[in-house]
Protein backbone atom coordinates (compact mmCIF):
# COMPACT_ATOMS: atom_id res chain seq x y z
CA MET A 1 -14.84 35.32 -2.15
CA PRO A 2 -11.53 33.59 -2.99
CA PHE A 3 -11.45 29.92 -2.11
CA THR A 4 -9.55 28.76 0.94
CA PHE A 5 -8.97 25.19 2.05
CA PRO A 6 -11.07 24.35 5.11
CA SER A 7 -8.24 22.18 6.43
CA PRO A 8 -4.56 21.53 5.70
CA LEU A 9 -5.50 17.93 4.88
CA TYR A 10 -6.93 17.18 1.43
CA ALA A 11 -8.04 13.56 1.69
CA ILE A 12 -8.44 11.50 -1.48
CA ALA A 13 -10.79 8.52 -1.50
CA ASP A 14 -9.25 6.09 -3.97
CA THR A 15 -9.28 2.30 -3.63
CA LEU A 16 -6.01 2.09 -5.59
CA GLY A 17 -7.47 -0.81 -7.52
CA ARG A 18 -7.69 -3.01 -4.43
CA ALA A 19 -10.81 -5.16 -4.46
CA GLU A 20 -10.98 -5.30 -0.67
CA LEU A 21 -11.44 -1.53 -0.44
CA SER A 22 -14.68 0.37 -1.00
CA PHE A 23 -14.94 4.00 -2.12
CA VAL A 24 -17.99 4.54 0.07
CA ASP A 25 -16.44 2.86 3.11
CA LEU A 26 -13.24 4.86 2.70
CA ALA A 27 -15.18 8.11 2.40
CA GLY A 28 -17.04 7.32 5.59
CA LYS A 29 -13.86 6.58 7.50
CA LEU A 30 -12.02 9.63 6.16
CA CYS A 31 -14.91 11.89 7.15
CA ALA A 32 -15.28 10.20 10.54
CA GLY A 33 -11.63 10.96 11.20
CA GLY A 34 -12.22 14.65 10.61
CA ALA A 35 -11.50 15.27 6.92
CA LYS A 36 -13.19 18.48 5.78
CA LEU A 37 -12.21 18.27 2.10
CA LEU A 38 -12.44 15.00 0.22
CA GLN A 39 -11.73 14.19 -3.39
CA LEU A 40 -13.41 11.15 -4.90
CA ARG A 41 -11.04 9.61 -7.42
CA ALA A 42 -12.53 6.59 -9.15
CA LYS A 43 -10.56 5.39 -12.15
CA ASP A 44 -11.43 2.56 -14.52
CA ILE A 45 -15.09 2.19 -13.57
CA SER A 46 -18.18 2.90 -15.65
CA SER A 47 -19.87 6.27 -15.56
CA ARG A 48 -22.99 4.63 -14.16
CA GLU A 49 -21.07 3.04 -11.29
CA PHE A 50 -19.16 6.26 -10.63
CA LEU A 51 -22.45 8.14 -10.36
CA VAL A 52 -23.89 5.67 -7.87
CA ILE A 53 -20.75 5.86 -5.74
CA ALA A 54 -20.60 9.66 -5.95
CA ARG A 55 -24.18 9.98 -4.73
CA GLU A 56 -23.44 7.84 -1.69
CA VAL A 57 -20.21 9.68 -0.97
CA GLN A 58 -21.96 13.04 -1.27
CA THR A 59 -24.52 11.93 1.31
CA ILE A 60 -21.68 11.00 3.67
CA CYS A 61 -19.84 14.27 3.09
CA GLN A 62 -22.97 16.32 3.74
CA ARG A 63 -23.57 14.41 6.97
CA TYR A 64 -20.08 15.30 8.20
CA GLY A 65 -19.87 18.83 6.79
CA CYS A 66 -17.10 17.85 4.39
CA LEU A 67 -16.60 19.41 0.96
CA LEU A 68 -16.71 16.93 -1.92
CA ILE A 69 -14.54 17.37 -5.00
CA VAL A 70 -14.96 14.90 -7.86
CA ASN A 71 -11.84 13.99 -9.81
CA ASP A 72 -11.95 14.58 -13.57
CA ARG A 73 -15.69 14.30 -14.11
CA ALA A 74 -17.53 17.63 -14.17
CA ASP A 75 -20.68 15.82 -15.30
CA ILE A 76 -20.65 13.57 -12.25
CA ALA A 77 -19.94 16.55 -9.99
CA LEU A 78 -22.92 18.37 -11.47
CA ALA A 79 -25.20 15.35 -11.21
CA VAL A 80 -24.60 14.86 -7.48
CA ASP A 81 -24.28 18.58 -6.66
CA ALA A 82 -20.71 18.12 -5.43
CA ASP A 83 -18.83 21.18 -4.27
CA GLY A 84 -16.50 21.08 -7.24
CA VAL A 85 -14.25 19.18 -9.60
CA HIS A 86 -10.51 18.65 -9.97
CA VAL A 87 -9.11 18.37 -13.47
CA GLY A 88 -5.72 17.35 -14.78
CA GLN A 89 -3.71 18.65 -17.70
CA GLU A 90 -5.23 16.02 -20.01
CA ASP A 91 -8.80 16.32 -18.72
CA LEU A 92 -11.65 18.67 -19.56
CA PRO A 93 -10.23 22.21 -19.94
CA LEU A 94 -10.86 24.54 -17.04
CA ALA A 95 -13.11 26.83 -19.08
CA ALA A 96 -15.27 23.90 -20.15
CA ALA A 97 -15.51 22.61 -16.58
CA ARG A 98 -16.58 26.09 -15.47
CA HIS A 99 -19.21 26.15 -18.21
CA VAL A 100 -20.62 22.86 -16.93
CA LEU A 101 -20.54 23.68 -13.22
CA GLY A 102 -21.13 27.43 -13.17
CA PRO A 103 -19.35 30.21 -11.31
CA LYS A 104 -20.00 29.09 -7.73
CA LYS A 105 -18.42 25.65 -7.77
CA ILE A 106 -14.80 24.94 -6.87
CA ILE A 107 -12.44 24.00 -9.70
CA GLY A 108 -8.93 22.78 -8.99
CA VAL A 109 -6.28 22.09 -11.61
CA SER A 110 -3.31 19.72 -11.44
CA THR A 111 -0.05 21.47 -12.32
CA HIS A 112 3.47 20.15 -12.64
CA ASP A 113 5.62 23.19 -13.34
CA PRO A 114 5.58 26.95 -12.81
CA GLU A 115 4.10 27.79 -16.22
CA GLN A 116 1.17 25.42 -15.76
CA ALA A 117 0.57 26.98 -12.35
CA ARG A 118 0.53 30.50 -13.80
CA GLU A 119 -1.78 29.41 -16.61
CA ALA A 120 -4.24 27.86 -14.17
CA GLU A 121 -4.33 31.10 -12.20
CA ARG A 122 -4.85 33.18 -15.35
CA GLU A 123 -7.71 30.95 -16.47
CA GLY A 124 -9.58 31.23 -13.18
CA ALA A 125 -8.81 28.11 -11.15
CA ASP A 126 -9.88 28.25 -7.52
CA TYR A 127 -6.81 26.32 -6.41
CA ILE A 128 -3.99 24.33 -7.94
CA GLY A 129 -2.58 20.94 -7.17
CA PHE A 130 1.20 20.79 -7.50
CA GLY A 131 3.28 17.67 -7.84
CA PRO A 132 4.27 14.97 -7.76
CA LEU A 133 6.16 16.49 -4.87
CA PHE A 134 8.08 13.43 -3.73
CA GLY A 135 7.11 11.00 -6.46
CA THR A 136 4.22 8.58 -6.22
CA VAL A 137 3.22 5.04 -7.07
CA THR A 138 -0.53 5.71 -6.96
CA LYS A 139 -0.74 7.50 -10.29
CA ALA A 140 1.36 7.45 -13.46
CA THR A 141 1.81 11.21 -13.86
CA GLY A 142 4.60 11.11 -16.42
CA TYR A 143 6.49 13.65 -14.30
CA SER A 144 9.47 13.19 -12.03
CA ALA A 145 9.38 14.37 -8.43
CA ARG A 146 9.16 18.17 -8.37
CA GLY A 147 10.66 18.68 -4.91
CA LEU A 148 10.30 21.37 -2.29
CA ASP A 149 12.39 23.96 -4.12
CA GLN A 150 10.05 23.97 -7.11
CA LEU A 151 7.07 24.17 -4.76
CA ARG A 152 8.63 27.27 -3.22
CA GLU A 153 9.07 28.75 -6.70
CA VAL A 154 5.43 28.14 -7.57
CA ARG A 155 4.39 29.66 -4.26
CA ARG A 156 6.23 32.86 -5.20
CA LEU A 157 4.54 32.99 -8.61
CA VAL A 158 0.86 32.45 -7.77
CA THR A 159 -1.54 33.69 -5.14
CA LEU A 160 -3.92 30.74 -5.48
CA PRO A 161 -4.17 28.17 -2.71
CA ILE A 162 -1.84 25.23 -3.41
CA VAL A 163 -2.37 21.60 -2.47
CA ALA A 164 0.81 19.56 -2.71
CA ILE A 165 0.43 15.97 -3.90
CA GLY A 166 2.62 12.97 -4.58
CA GLY A 167 4.31 10.68 -2.09
CA ILE A 168 3.16 12.72 0.90
CA SER A 169 3.01 10.93 4.23
CA THR A 170 2.11 12.23 7.67
CA GLU A 171 5.83 12.60 8.37
CA ARG A 172 6.59 14.48 5.13
CA ALA A 173 3.51 16.70 5.16
CA PRO A 174 4.85 19.48 7.43
CA SER A 175 7.76 20.12 5.04
CA ALA A 176 5.29 20.72 2.19
CA LEU A 177 3.32 23.20 4.26
CA ALA A 178 6.54 24.95 5.29
CA ALA A 179 7.52 25.25 1.60
CA GLY A 180 4.32 27.11 0.77
CA ALA A 181 1.53 24.58 0.28
CA ASN A 182 -1.77 25.46 1.94
CA ALA A 183 -2.80 21.83 2.11
CA VAL A 184 -1.43 18.37 1.42
CA ALA A 185 -3.20 15.67 -0.56
CA MET A 186 -2.78 12.19 0.84
CA ILE A 187 -3.89 8.84 -0.51
CA SER A 188 -1.88 5.72 0.34
CA ASP A 189 -0.81 6.80 3.81
CA LEU A 190 -4.47 7.24 4.72
CA VAL A 191 -6.48 4.66 2.79
CA LEU A 192 -4.06 1.79 3.41
CA ALA A 193 -3.85 2.44 7.14
CA ASP A 194 -5.13 -0.28 9.47
CA ASP A 195 -7.44 2.30 11.06
CA VAL A 196 -8.23 4.98 8.48
CA ALA A 197 -10.15 7.31 10.80
CA ALA A 198 -7.41 7.15 13.44
CA LYS A 199 -4.78 7.90 10.79
CA VAL A 200 -6.73 10.97 9.68
CA ARG A 201 -6.96 12.19 13.27
CA GLU A 202 -3.22 11.63 13.78
CA THR A 203 -2.39 13.48 10.56
CA LEU A 204 -4.63 16.42 11.43
CA GLN A 205 -2.97 16.68 14.83
CA VAL A 206 0.45 16.86 13.16
CA LEU A 207 -0.66 19.38 10.54
CA ASN A 208 -2.42 21.64 13.03
CA SER A 209 0.36 21.62 15.61
């Protein structure tokens, strides 16, 4: 069966390099708020530490009935039996990730222009990420803001589910869905909130209204 997002909110657990934040704590709060799809994005830590964190996050996700996608690392996704992996243009190629994880796991691919989106669909991605939609300070993508018009163009070109990413806040999210995204990925607006779970609930209410 083709993959569909279980929710219009694609939550990303990323500490953004802030020592006061915890991947595991964030995952727990995101799930408690109602996230049903969570990506664990842990940059600049050792593979051993990433594995330990991923195991704990997977336990949390299973408790809440939330899908877990691991960013970049198909090996970590396999080791913790995550639901899938998300790879970027410079990461493990989609075919190699599929070889590691097998046919039943979810594989998403970051795309930044229409041709990359079409290529991801041809190669068998389950969904694509598209962005940075509005620009972002949480990741150095090397790409300028794509904007809603280019999102609409990509929507016309591919049938895959699309998650929009990059500078998306609760207030901006509805415009991305209206332009053709099936879900919106959010990081800063969620993980830096004073009450993460409450922010997730607020965002879900907006997206589902």
